[in-house]
Amino acid sequence: MQLPNQLSYKRSINPSKAIFYYRRDEDLYPLPVERIKIRGSKSGFSEAYTAKGIKESATIHSLATGNPHTIDTCYLPPTADSLVCRFSLRVSANSLFPDRCSEIAFKDTVSQFLNSYIAKDGFKELAIRYSKNIAMGTWLWRNKEGNTFDVLVRTSQGNEYKFKNAHMLFWDSVWPDESSELLALLSEELAVALTKPRYVWHCDVWAEVKMPFCSEVFPSQCFVDHDDKQSASKVLLTTDIDGVMAACYNADKVGAAIQMIDDWWDESCDFPLRVNEYAADHENLIARRHPSTERDFYQCLQNLRGYTDKLNKVKSVDDIEPDAHFVASVLVKGGMFQGGKS
């Protein structure tokens, strides 16, 4: 089955950017970013070497001189009791219908696959995985490391789920009964939002992190033009809150954490990847679903009829083929999937 020359899906999971605050005496204040000049050292390979060997300019004195530069920093104020990070999440059933598709027959094939996937509770499995990453605070990234924290989720249905000691919750571990029950309730709401086109659902997510005195905080980092010697070499992302340039994560960084659910890329894999058409493993710089594996998204998409036939035969969500989950998760992610030039 050939891919259409026009095929695209809107993303179903839409996070906001995440804003950092600090708590002091029960009040919240925007966490500012500070720009400073530091005296760095010359430590890079290119300071002393070229492809041909040692640089003539790399003397015993030149390598010991300072390397001043300007950077952004972000630290918890001395008077802060804790770090607070907040974002919102809106979920829609956009994976059920393409935003654009140039071939009706292909659209019907995808629809048949998704109908079978829904009937076998496939989206409930995806919802559990997304909810896990929300509850575990995966979206806190480096700010999780070495710290204790709780996560609070308030949904548009009027429900509130507080995951206490969320730093003790892990992707591959058994969760305490209370956390497991909250996870089940949250994922039920999210699953409905993924499968009901006219359903309105969103949530407000908070994490409160207990950090040591004046600890460094790690917001999103912006790309900078290193050709401009006068600009800062490290720029942190900020947003204006009543005149205070507060630290934040961009929405893509939040979404990347929530969509880190693909542990289907290999039977023996022991960690999930962010959902991606080729299962890009950025830590190891490997495409885990390289086309040579015949398990990349585009080859899976062309085998939808086979997945649909298998879905119709399985008895429960536990029997669903892993790559069927993968295909559905990429459609939830959204993107442009056409096979030819549009």
C-alpha atoms as a PDB file:
ATOM      1  CA  MET A   1       0.000   0.000   0.000  1.00  0.00           C
ATOM      2  CA  GLN A   2       1.557   3.281  -1.171  1.00  0.00           C
ATOM      3  CA  LEU A   3       1.511   6.427   0.951  1.00  0.00           C
ATOM      4  CA  PRO A   4      -0.530   9.388  -0.358  1.00  0.00           C
ATOM      5  CA  ASN A   5       1.355  12.370  -1.734  1.00  0.00           C
ATOM      6  CA  GLN A   6      -0.443  14.504   0.859  1.00  0.00           C
ATOM      7  CA  LEU A   7      -0.929  13.161   4.376  1.00  0.00           C
ATOM      8  CA  SER A   8      -0.772  15.071   7.641  1.00  0.00           C
ATOM      9  CA  TYR A   9      -2.162  14.879  11.176  1.00  0.00           C
ATOM     10  CA  LYS A  10      -2.574  17.556  13.801  1.00  0.00           C
ATOM     11  CA  ARG A  11      -0.980  16.705  17.121  1.00  0.00           C
ATOM     12  CA  SER A  12      -3.373  15.414  19.765  1.00  0.00           C
ATOM     13  CA  ILE A  13      -1.295  16.383  22.808  1.00  0.00           C
ATOM     14  CA  ASN A  14      -0.721  20.121  23.169  1.00  0.00           C
ATOM     15  CA  PRO A  15       1.302  21.257  26.189  1.00  0.00           C
ATOM     16  CA  SER A  16       1.936  24.859  27.130  1.00  0.00           C
ATOM     17  CA  LYS A  17       5.350  26.099  28.063  1.00  0.00           C
ATOM     18  CA  ALA A  18       6.228  25.321  31.686  1.00  0.00           C
ATOM     19  CA  ILE A  19       6.885  28.263  33.995  1.00  0.00           C
ATOM     20  CA  PHE A  20       9.255  28.177  36.963  1.00  0.00           C
ATOM     21  CA  TYR A  21       8.399  29.824  40.278  1.00  0.00           C
ATOM     22  CA  TYR A  22       9.845  29.682  43.754  1.00  0.00           C
ATOM     23  CA  ARG A  23       7.784  29.387  46.911  1.00  0.00           C
ATOM     24  CA  ARG A  24       8.466  31.521  49.964  1.00  0.00           C
ATOM     25  CA  ASP A  25       6.136  31.685  52.962  1.00  0.00           C
ATOM     26  CA  GLU A  26       3.351  30.028  50.920  1.00  0.00           C
ATOM     27  CA  ASP A  27       3.524  32.680  48.169  1.00  0.00           C
ATOM     28  CA  LEU A  28       4.752  32.059  44.608  1.00  0.00           C
ATOM     29  CA  TYR A  29       7.202  34.331  42.791  1.00  0.00           C
ATOM     30  CA  PRO A  30       8.511  34.083  39.205  1.00  0.00           C
ATOM     31  CA  LEU A  31      12.005  32.571  39.124  1.00  0.00           C
ATOM     32  CA  PRO A  32      14.343  35.088  37.454  1.00  0.00           C
ATOM     33  CA  VAL A  33      17.257  34.399  35.133  1.00  0.00           C
ATOM     34  CA  GLU A  34      20.526  36.240  35.761  1.00  0.00           C
ATOM     35  CA  ARG A  35      23.105  37.179  33.122  1.00  0.00           C
ATOM     36  CA  ILE A  36      26.715  37.172  34.334  1.00  0.00           C
ATOM     37  CA  LYS A  37      30.274  37.308  32.996  1.00  0.00           C
ATOM     38  CA  ILE A  38      32.631  34.535  34.016  1.00  0.00           C
ATOM     39  CA  ARG A  39      36.316  33.809  33.547  1.00  0.00           C
ATOM     40  CA  GLY A  40      36.274  30.435  31.863  1.00  0.00           C
ATOM     41  CA  SER A  41      39.218  28.237  30.969  1.00  0.00           C
ATOM     42  CA  LYS A  42      40.492  26.958  27.631  1.00  0.00           C
ATOM     43  CA  SER A  43      39.711  23.267  27.690  1.00  0.00           C
ATOM     44  CA  GLY A  44      38.323  22.292  24.288  1.00  0.00           C
ATOM     45  CA  PHE A  45      40.117  20.036  21.805  1.00  0.00           C
ATOM     46  CA  SER A  46      40.259  22.795  19.190  1.00  0.00           C
ATOM     47  CA  GLU A  47      42.125  25.099  21.589  1.00  0.00           C
ATOM     48  CA  ALA A  48      45.258  22.991  21.208  1.00  0.00           C
ATOM     49  CA  TYR A  49      44.759  20.688  18.227  1.00  0.00           C
ATOM     50  CA  THR A  50      43.986  20.685  14.527  1.00  0.00           C
ATOM     51  CA  ALA A  51      43.436  17.670  12.296  1.00  0.00           C
ATOM     52  CA  LYS A  52      47.184  17.705  11.598  1.00  0.00           C
ATOM     53  CA  GLY A  53      48.373  17.843  15.197  1.00  0.00           C
ATOM     54  CA  ILE A  54      49.232  20.376  17.894  1.00  0.00           C
ATOM     55  CA  LYS A  55      48.639  24.040  17.090  1.00  0.00           C
ATOM     56  CA  GLU A  56      51.688  26.277  17.009  1.00  0.00           C
ATOM     57  CA  SER A  57      49.681  28.893  18.905  1.00  0.00           C
ATOM     58  CA  ALA A  58      48.967  26.462  21.744  1.00  0.00           C
ATOM     59  CA  THR A  59      51.783  27.461  24.079  1.00  0.00           C
ATOM     60  CA  ILE A  60      52.103  26.607  27.748  1.00  0.00           C
ATOM     61  CA  HIS A  61      51.051  30.175  28.496  1.00  0.00           C
ATOM     62  CA  SER A  62      48.188  30.598  26.003  1.00  0.00           C
ATOM     63  CA  LEU A  63      46.359  27.512  27.248  1.00  0.00           C
ATOM     64  CA  ALA A  64      46.499  28.856  30.808  1.00  0.00           C
ATOM     65  CA  THR A  65      44.981  32.256  30.037  1.00  0.00           C
ATOM     66  CA  GLY A  66      41.377  33.007  30.848  1.00  0.00           C
ATOM     67  CA  ASN A  67      38.467  32.712  28.437  1.00  0.00           C
ATOM     68  CA  PRO A  68      35.901  35.328  29.572  1.00  0.00           C
ATOM     69  CA  HIS A  69      32.360  34.978  28.304  1.00  0.00           C
ATOM     70  CA  THR A  70      28.779  35.935  29.136  1.00  0.00           C
ATOM     71  CA  ILE A  71      26.186  33.356  30.172  1.00  0.00           C
ATOM     72  CA  ASP A  72      22.688  33.133  31.629  1.00  0.00           C
ATOM     73  CA  THR A  73      22.301  31.385  34.970  1.00  0.00           C
ATOM     74  CA  CYS A  74      19.315  30.372  37.067  1.00  0.00           C
ATOM     75  CA  TYR A  75      19.475  29.572  40.771  1.00  0.00           C
ATOM     76  CA  LEU A  76      16.917  29.196  43.512  1.00  0.00           C
ATOM     77  CA  PRO A  77      16.983  32.393  45.645  1.00  0.00           C
ATOM     78  CA  PRO A  78      18.475  32.047  49.158  1.00  0.00           C
ATOM     79  CA  THR A  79      15.067  32.754  50.729  1.00  0.00           C
ATOM     80  CA  ALA A  80      13.171  30.154  48.670  1.00  0.00           C
ATOM     81  CA  ASP A  81      11.504  27.175  50.324  1.00  0.00           C
ATOM     82  CA  SER A  82      11.012  25.162  47.118  1.00  0.00           C
ATOM     83  CA  LEU A  83      10.903  25.246  43.318  1.00  0.00           C
ATOM     84  CA  VAL A  84       7.511  25.114  41.588  1.00  0.00           C
ATOM     85  CA  CYS A  85       6.999  24.308  37.913  1.00  0.00           C
ATOM     86  CA  ARG A  86       3.623  24.553  36.175  1.00  0.00           C
ATOM     87  CA  PHE A  87       2.199  23.869  32.717  1.00  0.00           C
ATOM     88  CA  SER A  88      -1.148  23.067  31.123  1.00  0.00           C
ATOM     89  CA  LEU A  89      -2.016  20.239  28.737  1.00  0.00           C
ATOM     90  CA  ARG A  90      -4.823  20.068  26.185  1.00  0.00           C
ATOM     91  CA  VAL A  91      -5.686  16.697  24.630  1.00  0.00           C
ATOM     92  CA  SER A  92      -7.807  16.202  21.493  1.00  0.00           C
ATOM     93  CA  ALA A  93      -8.779  13.211  19.353  1.00  0.00           C
ATOM     94  CA  ASN A  94      -6.900  14.508  16.301  1.00  0.00           C
ATOM     95  CA  SER A  95      -5.314  11.142  15.540  1.00  0.00           C
ATOM     96  CA  LEU A  96      -8.673   9.694  14.476  1.00  0.00           C
ATOM     97  CA  PHE A  97      -8.871  11.742  11.273  1.00  0.00           C
ATOM     98  CA  PRO A  98      -6.113  13.141   9.053  1.00  0.00           C
ATOM     99  CA  ASP A  99      -5.868  16.886   8.735  1.00  0.00           C
ATOM    100  CA  ARG A 100      -5.115  16.334   5.053  1.00  0.00           C
ATOM    101  CA  CYS A 101      -5.177  13.170   2.948  1.00  0.00           C
ATOM    102  CA  SER A 102      -5.151  13.014  -0.845  1.00  0.00           C
ATOM    103  CA  GLU A 103      -6.409   9.421  -1.123  1.00  0.00           C
ATOM    104  CA  ILE A 104      -9.790   8.333   0.252  1.00  0.00           C
ATOM    105  CA  ALA A 105      -8.882   4.630   0.114  1.00  0.00           C
ATOM    106  CA  PHE A 106      -5.860   5.200   2.349  1.00  0.00           C
ATOM    107  CA  LYS A 107      -7.964   7.289   4.737  1.00  0.00           C
ATOM    108  CA  ASP A 108     -10.446   4.411   4.996  1.00  0.00           C
ATOM    109  CA  THR A 109      -7.634   1.937   5.722  1.00  0.00           C
ATOM    110  CA  VAL A 110      -6.325   4.085   8.577  1.00  0.00           C
ATOM    111  CA  SER A 111      -9.864   4.519   9.900  1.00  0.00           C
ATOM    112  CA  GLN A 112     -10.416   0.745   9.962  1.00  0.00           C
ATOM    113  CA  PHE A 113      -7.144   0.277  11.845  1.00  0.00           C
ATOM    114  CA  LEU A 114      -8.032   2.928  14.438  1.00  0.00           C
ATOM    115  CA  ASN A 115     -11.556   1.591  14.938  1.00  0.00           C
ATOM    116  CA  SER A 116     -10.115  -1.843  15.699  1.00  0.00           C
ATOM    117  CA  TYR A 117      -7.451  -0.281  17.918  1.00  0.00           C
ATOM    118  CA  ILE A 118     -10.106   1.596  19.910  1.00  0.00           C
ATOM    119  CA  ALA A 119     -12.231  -1.551  20.220  1.00  0.00           C
ATOM    120  CA  LYS A 120      -9.296  -3.380  21.829  1.00  0.00           C
ATOM    121  CA  ASP A 121      -8.611  -0.489  24.262  1.00  0.00           C
ATOM    122  CA  GLY A 122      -5.360   0.444  22.547  1.00  0.00           C
ATOM    123  CA  PHE A 123      -5.713   4.120  23.386  1.00  0.00           C
ATOM    124  CA  LYS A 124      -6.078   3.218  27.054  1.00  0.00           C
ATOM    125  CA  GLU A 125      -2.576   1.755  26.904  1.00  0.00           C
ATOM    126  CA  LEU A 126      -1.234   4.957  25.341  1.00  0.00           C
ATOM    127  CA  ALA A 127      -3.080   7.058  27.923  1.00  0.00           C
ATOM    128  CA  ILE A 128      -1.501   5.102  30.780  1.00  0.00           C
ATOM    129  CA  ARG A 129       1.937   5.767  29.337  1.00  0.00           C
ATOM    130  CA  TYR A 130       1.374   9.488  28.825  1.00  0.00           C
ATOM    131  CA  SER A 131      -0.095   9.741  32.325  1.00  0.00           C
ATOM    132  CA  LYS A 132       2.921   7.953  33.764  1.00  0.00           C
ATOM    133  CA  ASN A 133       5.278  10.568  32.383  1.00  0.00           C
ATOM    134  CA  ILE A 134       3.084  13.349  33.737  1.00  0.00           C
ATOM    135  CA  ALA A 135       2.925  11.761  37.194  1.00  0.00           C
ATOM    136  CA  MET A 136       6.621  10.846  37.359  1.00  0.00           C
ATOM    137  CA  GLY A 137       7.641  14.396  36.504  1.00  0.00           C
ATOM    138  CA  THR A 138       9.606  13.219  33.473  1.00  0.00           C
ATOM    139  CA  TRP A 139       9.026  16.738  32.128  1.00  0.00           C
ATOM    140  CA  LEU A 140      11.194  18.200  34.910  1.00  0.00           C
ATOM    141  CA  TRP A 141      14.255  16.795  33.129  1.00  0.00           C
ATOM    142  CA  ARG A 142      17.489  17.659  35.006  1.00  0.00           C
ATOM    143  CA  ASN A 143      15.544  19.337  37.792  1.00  0.00           C
ATOM    144  CA  LYS A 144      14.480  15.862  38.956  1.00  0.00           C
ATOM    145  CA  GLU A 145      18.025  14.759  39.688  1.00  0.00           C
ATOM    146  CA  GLY A 146      18.823  14.394  43.372  1.00  0.00           C
ATOM    147  CA  ASN A 147      15.620  16.120  44.494  1.00  0.00           C
ATOM    148  CA  THR A 148      12.331  15.099  46.085  1.00  0.00           C
ATOM    149  CA  PHE A 149       9.065  16.322  44.600  1.00  0.00           C
ATOM    150  CA  ASP A 150       5.289  15.901  44.408  1.00  0.00           C
ATOM    151  CA  VAL A 151       3.153  16.260  41.272  1.00  0.00           C
ATOM    152  CA  LEU A 152      -0.389  17.651  41.280  1.00  0.00           C
ATOM    153  CA  VAL A 153      -2.772  17.311  38.313  1.00  0.00           C
ATOM    154  CA  ARG A 154      -6.068  19.223  38.148  1.00  0.00           C
ATOM    155  CA  THR A 155      -8.315  18.252  35.238  1.00  0.00           C
ATOM    156  CA  SER A 156     -11.126  20.069  33.459  1.00  0.00           C
ATOM    157  CA  GLN A 157     -13.491  17.410  34.816  1.00  0.00           C
ATOM    158  CA  GLY A 158     -13.022  18.886  38.291  1.00  0.00           C
ATOM    159  CA  ASN A 159     -10.773  16.096  39.556  1.00  0.00           C
ATOM    160  CA  GLU A 160      -7.481  16.471  41.382  1.00  0.00           C
ATOM    161  CA  TYR A 161      -4.722  13.853  41.500  1.00  0.00           C
ATOM    162  CA  LYS A 162      -1.747  14.349  43.808  1.00  0.00           C
ATOM    163  CA  PHE A 163       1.190  12.003  43.314  1.00  0.00           C
ATOM    164  CA  LYS A 164       3.152  12.217  46.545  1.00  0.00           C
ATOM    165  CA  ASN A 165       6.862  11.404  46.485  1.00  0.00           C
ATOM    166  CA  ALA A 166       6.761  11.286  42.695  1.00  0.00           C
ATOM    167  CA  HIS A 167      10.560  11.021  42.680  1.00  0.00           C
ATOM    168  CA  MET A 168      10.048   7.416  43.838  1.00  0.00           C
ATOM    169  CA  LEU A 169       7.913   6.540  40.800  1.00  0.00           C
ATOM    170  CA  PHE A 170       9.732   4.941  37.882  1.00  0.00           C
ATOM    171  CA  TRP A 171       8.782   3.759  34.403  1.00  0.00           C
ATOM    172  CA  ASP A 172       9.650   0.108  34.979  1.00  0.00           C
ATOM    173  CA  SER A 173       8.820  -0.283  38.685  1.00  0.00           C
ATOM    174  CA  VAL A 174       5.715  -1.323  40.620  1.00  0.00           C
ATOM    175  CA  TRP A 175       3.974   1.777  41.956  1.00  0.00           C
ATOM    176  CA  PRO A 176       2.425   2.073  45.441  1.00  0.00           C
ATOM    177  CA  ASP A 177      -1.300   1.299  45.543  1.00  0.00           C
ATOM    178  CA  GLU A 178      -2.349   4.925  46.037  1.00  0.00           C
ATOM    179  CA  SER A 179      -0.278   6.158  43.087  1.00  0.00           C
ATOM    180  CA  SER A 180      -1.467   3.274  40.902  1.00  0.00           C
ATOM    181  CA  GLU A 181      -5.100   4.125  41.632  1.00  0.00           C
ATOM    182  CA  LEU A 182      -4.545   7.798  40.797  1.00  0.00           C
ATOM    183  CA  LEU A 183      -2.724   6.808  37.606  1.00  0.00           C
ATOM    184  CA  ALA A 184      -5.661   4.649  36.527  1.00  0.00           C
ATOM    185  CA  LEU A 185      -8.144   7.484  37.107  1.00  0.00           C
ATOM    186  CA  LEU A 186      -6.028  10.072  35.288  1.00  0.00           C
ATOM    187  CA  SER A 187      -5.396   7.761  32.335  1.00  0.00           C
ATOM    188  CA  GLU A 188      -9.126   7.017  32.034  1.00  0.00           C
ATOM    189  CA  GLU A 189      -9.813  10.711  31.517  1.00  0.00           C
ATOM    190  CA  LEU A 190      -6.981  11.056  29.038  1.00  0.00           C
ATOM    191  CA  ALA A 191      -8.092   7.981  27.067  1.00  0.00           C
ATOM    192  CA  VAL A 192     -11.572   9.451  26.625  1.00  0.00           C
ATOM    193  CA  ALA A 193     -10.033  12.677  25.306  1.00  0.00           C
ATOM    194  CA  LEU A 194      -7.966  10.713  22.772  1.00  0.00           C
ATOM    195  CA  THR A 195     -10.996   8.828  21.419  1.00  0.00           C
ATOM    196  CA  LYS A 196     -13.919  11.301  21.559  1.00  0.00           C
ATOM    197  CA  PRO A 197     -13.679  13.954  18.789  1.00  0.00           C
ATOM    198  CA  ARG A 198     -16.017  16.490  20.437  1.00  0.00           C
ATOM    199  CA  TYR A 199     -14.773  15.957  23.976  1.00  0.00           C
ATOM    200  CA  VAL A 200     -13.081  18.929  25.671  1.00  0.00           C
ATOM    201  CA  TRP A 201     -10.328  17.992  28.105  1.00  0.00           C
ATOM    202  CA  HIS A 202      -7.338  19.750  29.575  1.00  0.00           C
ATOM    203  CA  CYS A 203      -5.375  19.689  32.799  1.00  0.00           C
ATOM    204  CA  ASP A 204      -3.176  21.913  34.920  1.00  0.00           C
ATOM    205  CA  VAL A 205       0.030  20.239  36.107  1.00  0.00           C
ATOM    206  CA  TRP A 206       2.186  21.367  39.030  1.00  0.00           C
ATOM    207  CA  ALA A 207       5.369  20.003  40.523  1.00  0.00           C
ATOM    208  CA  GLU A 208       6.828  21.202  43.800  1.00  0.00           C
ATOM    209  CA  VAL A 209      10.504  20.330  44.129  1.00  0.00           C
ATOM    210  CA  LYS A 210      12.461  20.408  47.371  1.00  0.00           C
ATOM    211  CA  MET A 211      15.995  21.490  46.508  1.00  0.00           C
ATOM    212  CA  PRO A 212      19.111  22.257  48.555  1.00  0.00           C
ATOM    213  CA  PHE A 213      20.022  25.844  49.384  1.00  0.00           C
ATOM    214  CA  CYS A 214      20.516  28.048  46.299  1.00  0.00           C
ATOM    215  CA  SER A 215      20.483  25.066  43.931  1.00  0.00           C
ATOM    216  CA  GLU A 216      20.911  25.564  40.202  1.00  0.00           C
ATOM    217  CA  VAL A 217      17.733  25.293  38.119  1.00  0.00           C
ATOM    218  CA  PHE A 218      17.796  24.108  34.504  1.00  0.00           C
ATOM    219  CA  PRO A 219      15.256  25.772  32.170  1.00  0.00           C
ATOM    220  CA  SER A 220      15.264  25.401  28.380  1.00  0.00           C
ATOM    221  CA  GLN A 221      18.397  26.676  26.676  1.00  0.00           C
ATOM    222  CA  CYS A 222      18.145  28.733  23.489  1.00  0.00           C
ATOM    223  CA  PHE A 223      20.286  28.262  20.411  1.00  0.00           C
ATOM    224  CA  VAL A 224      22.649  31.202  19.928  1.00  0.00           C
ATOM    225  CA  ASP A 225      24.680  32.629  17.071  1.00  0.00           C
ATOM    226  CA  HIS A 226      28.260  31.931  18.110  1.00  0.00           C
ATOM    227  CA  ASP A 227      29.555  34.225  15.351  1.00  0.00           C
ATOM    228  CA  ASP A 228      28.453  37.190  17.443  1.00  0.00           C
ATOM    229  CA  LYS A 229      31.276  37.557  19.962  1.00  0.00           C
ATOM    230  CA  GLN A 230      29.393  40.199  21.951  1.00  0.00           C
ATOM    231  CA  SER A 231      26.321  38.078  22.705  1.00  0.00           C
ATOM    232  CA  ALA A 232      25.930  35.591  25.534  1.00  0.00           C
ATOM    233  CA  SER A 233      27.260  32.109  24.790  1.00  0.00           C
ATOM    234  CA  LYS A 234      24.508  30.525  26.898  1.00  0.00           C
ATOM    235  CA  VAL A 235      20.975  31.939  26.788  1.00  0.00           C
ATOM    236  CA  LEU A 236      18.154  30.525  28.900  1.00  0.00           C
ATOM    237  CA  LEU A 237      14.523  30.701  27.811  1.00  0.00           C
ATOM    238  CA  THR A 238      12.415  33.245  29.696  1.00  0.00           C
ATOM    239  CA  THR A 239       8.912  34.678  29.649  1.00  0.00           C
ATOM    240  CA  ASP A 240       7.758  38.060  30.955  1.00  0.00           C
ATOM    241  CA  ILE A 241       5.625  37.888  34.117  1.00  0.00           C
ATOM    242  CA  ASP A 242       4.770  41.403  35.290  1.00  0.00           C
ATOM    243  CA  GLY A 243       8.205  42.696  34.350  1.00  0.00           C
ATOM    244  CA  VAL A 244      10.152  39.697  35.663  1.00  0.00           C
ATOM    245  CA  MET A 245      11.868  37.576  33.013  1.00  0.00           C
ATOM    246  CA  ALA A 246      10.977  34.185  34.486  1.00  0.00           C
ATOM    247  CA  ALA A 247      12.682  30.916  33.570  1.00  0.00           C
ATOM    248  CA  CYS A 248      10.647  28.403  31.583  1.00  0.00           C
ATOM    249  CA  TYR A 249      10.630  25.297  29.406  1.00  0.00           C
ATOM    250  CA  ASN A 250       9.413  25.571  25.835  1.00  0.00           C
ATOM    251  CA  ALA A 251       6.333  23.529  24.953  1.00  0.00           C
ATOM    252  CA  ASP A 252       8.337  21.153  22.756  1.00  0.00           C
ATOM    253  CA  LYS A 253      10.514  20.123  25.702  1.00  0.00           C
ATOM    254  CA  VAL A 254       7.440  19.407  27.827  1.00  0.00           C
ATOM    255  CA  GLY A 255       5.814  17.459  24.999  1.00  0.00           C
ATOM    256  CA  ALA A 256       8.978  15.468  24.354  1.00  0.00           C
ATOM    257  CA  ALA A 257       8.932  14.200  27.939  1.00  0.00           C
ATOM    258  CA  ILE A 258       5.255  13.249  27.875  1.00  0.00           C
ATOM    259  CA  GLN A 259       5.716  11.348  24.607  1.00  0.00           C
ATOM    260  CA  MET A 260       8.670   9.326  25.867  1.00  0.00           C
ATOM    261  CA  ILE A 261       6.673   6.073  25.706  1.00  0.00           C
ATOM    262  CA  ASP A 262       8.185   3.970  22.903  1.00  0.00           C
ATOM    263  CA  ASP A 263       9.627   0.895  24.581  1.00  0.00           C
ATOM    264  CA  TRP A 264       8.291  -1.208  21.723  1.00  0.00           C
ATOM    265  CA  TRP A 265      11.342  -0.626  19.519  1.00  0.00           C
ATOM    266  CA  ASP A 266      12.949  -3.890  20.640  1.00  0.00           C
ATOM    267  CA  GLU A 267      11.777  -6.909  22.615  1.00  0.00           C
ATOM    268  CA  SER A 268      14.714  -6.585  25.012  1.00  0.00           C
ATOM    269  CA  CYS A 269      14.812  -2.777  25.323  1.00  0.00           C
ATOM    270  CA  ASP A 270      14.943  -1.446  28.869  1.00  0.00           C
ATOM    271  CA  PHE A 271      14.135   2.240  28.357  1.00  0.00           C
ATOM    272  CA  PRO A 272      11.499   4.219  26.438  1.00  0.00           C
ATOM    273  CA  LEU A 273      12.238   6.653  23.631  1.00  0.00           C
ATOM    274  CA  ARG A 274      10.364   9.748  22.565  1.00  0.00           C
ATOM    275  CA  VAL A 275       7.881   8.767  19.871  1.00  0.00           C
ATOM    276  CA  ASN A 276       9.582   9.356  16.527  1.00  0.00           C
ATOM    277  CA  GLU A 277       9.166   7.932  13.038  1.00  0.00           C
ATOM    278  CA  TYR A 278      12.635   6.350  13.182  1.00  0.00           C
ATOM    279  CA  ALA A 279      12.868   5.966  16.991  1.00  0.00           C
ATOM    280  CA  ALA A 280      15.720   8.433  17.315  1.00  0.00           C
ATOM    281  CA  ASP A 281      17.860   7.574  20.342  1.00  0.00           C
ATOM    282  CA  HIS A 282      19.555  10.925  20.963  1.00  0.00           C
ATOM    283  CA  GLU A 283      21.670   9.659  23.848  1.00  0.00           C
ATOM    284  CA  ASN A 284      23.352   6.964  21.763  1.00  0.00           C
ATOM    285  CA  LEU A 285      22.896   8.730  18.391  1.00  0.00           C
ATOM    286  CA  ILE A 286      21.152   5.712  16.884  1.00  0.00           C
ATOM    287  CA  ALA A 287      17.943   5.375  14.872  1.00  0.00           C
ATOM    288  CA  ARG A 288      16.445   2.345  16.599  1.00  0.00           C
ATOM    289  CA  ARG A 289      13.844   1.971  13.845  1.00  0.00           C
ATOM    290  CA  HIS A 290      16.135   2.462  10.878  1.00  0.00           C
ATOM    291  CA  PRO A 291      14.442   1.482   7.586  1.00  0.00           C
ATOM    292  CA  SER A 292      16.677  -1.599   7.480  1.00  0.00           C
ATOM    293  CA  THR A 293      14.749  -2.956  10.496  1.00  0.00           C
ATOM    294  CA  GLU A 294      11.512  -2.768   8.467  1.00  0.00           C
ATOM    295  CA  ARG A 295       9.879  -1.340  11.609  1.00  0.00           C
ATOM    296  CA  ASP A 296      10.071   2.392  10.954  1.00  0.00           C
ATOM    297  CA  PHE A 297       6.791   4.291  10.912  1.00  0.00           C
ATOM    298  CA  TYR A 298       6.493   4.542   7.145  1.00  0.00           C
ATOM    299  CA  GLN A 299       6.870   0.822   6.561  1.00  0.00           C
ATOM    300  CA  CYS A 300       4.493   0.097   9.442  1.00  0.00           C
ATOM    301  CA  LEU A 301       1.988   2.551   7.975  1.00  0.00           C
ATOM    302  CA  GLN A 302       2.040   0.695   4.671  1.00  0.00           C
ATOM    303  CA  ASN A 303       1.290  -2.549   6.546  1.00  0.00           C
ATOM    304  CA  LEU A 304      -1.833  -1.238   8.277  1.00  0.00           C
ATOM    305  CA  ARG A 305      -4.137  -3.867   6.801  1.00  0.00           C
ATOM    306  CA  GLY A 306      -2.022  -6.590   8.394  1.00  0.00           C
ATOM    307  CA  TYR A 307      -2.124  -4.871  11.788  1.00  0.00           C
ATOM    308  CA  THR A 308      -5.884  -4.434  11.476  1.00  0.00           C
ATOM    309  CA  ASP A 309      -6.375  -8.144  10.749  1.00  0.00           C
ATOM    310  CA  LYS A 310      -4.299  -9.042  13.824  1.00  0.00           C
ATOM    311  CA  LEU A 311      -6.176  -6.533  16.002  1.00  0.00           C
ATOM    312  CA  ASN A 312      -9.479  -8.108  15.054  1.00  0.00           C
ATOM    313  CA  LYS A 313      -8.218 -11.457  16.329  1.00  0.00           C
ATOM    314  CA  VAL A 314      -6.698 -10.443  19.677  1.00  0.00           C
ATOM    315  CA  LYS A 315      -8.719 -10.821  22.876  1.00  0.00           C
ATOM    316  CA  SER A 316      -7.320  -7.956  24.966  1.00  0.00           C
ATOM    317  CA  VAL A 317      -5.028  -4.946  24.919  1.00  0.00           C
ATOM    318  CA  ASP A 318      -2.220  -7.130  26.281  1.00  0.00           C
ATOM    319  CA  ASP A 319      -2.198  -9.085  23.026  1.00  0.00           C
ATOM    320  CA  ILE A 320      -1.862  -6.083  20.716  1.00  0.00           C
ATOM    321  CA  GLU A 321       1.252  -6.175  18.563  1.00  0.00           C
ATOM    322  CA  PRO A 322       3.801  -3.587  19.790  1.00  0.00           C
ATOM    323  CA  ASP A 323       4.156  -1.928  16.394  1.00  0.00           C
ATOM    324  CA  ALA A 324       0.395  -1.285  16.288  1.00  0.00           C
ATOM    325  CA  HIS A 325       0.831   0.791  19.458  1.00  0.00           C
ATOM    326  CA  PHE A 326       3.773   2.524  17.800  1.00  0.00           C
ATOM    327  CA  VAL A 327       1.750   3.502  14.724  1.00  0.00           C
ATOM    328  CA  ALA A 328      -1.071   4.901  16.874  1.00  0.00           C
ATOM    329  CA  SER A 329       1.382   6.861  19.032  1.00  0.00           C
ATOM    330  CA  VAL A 330       2.953   8.538  15.978  1.00  0.00           C
ATOM    331  CA  LEU A 331      -0.504   9.539  14.729  1.00  0.00           C
ATOM    332  CA  VAL A 332      -1.143  11.048  18.176  1.00  0.00           C
ATOM    333  CA  LYS A 333       2.142  12.926  17.880  1.00  0.00           C
ATOM    334  CA  GLY A 334       1.078  14.275  14.520  1.00  0.00           C
ATOM    335  CA  GLY A 335       3.157  15.432  11.583  1.00  0.00           C
ATOM    336  CA  MET A 336       3.471  15.287   7.814  1.00  0.00           C
ATOM    337  CA  PHE A 337       3.638  11.695   6.594  1.00  0.00           C
ATOM    338  CA  GLN A 338       3.190  11.903   2.835  1.00  0.00           C
ATOM    339  CA  GLY A 339       5.174   9.577   0.644  1.00  0.00           C
ATOM    340  CA  GLY A 340       5.811  11.991  -2.222  1.00  0.00           C
ATOM    341  CA  LYS A 341       6.143  15.696  -2.826  1.00  0.00           C
ATOM    342  CA  SER A 342       3.049  17.654  -1.849  1.00  0.00           C
END
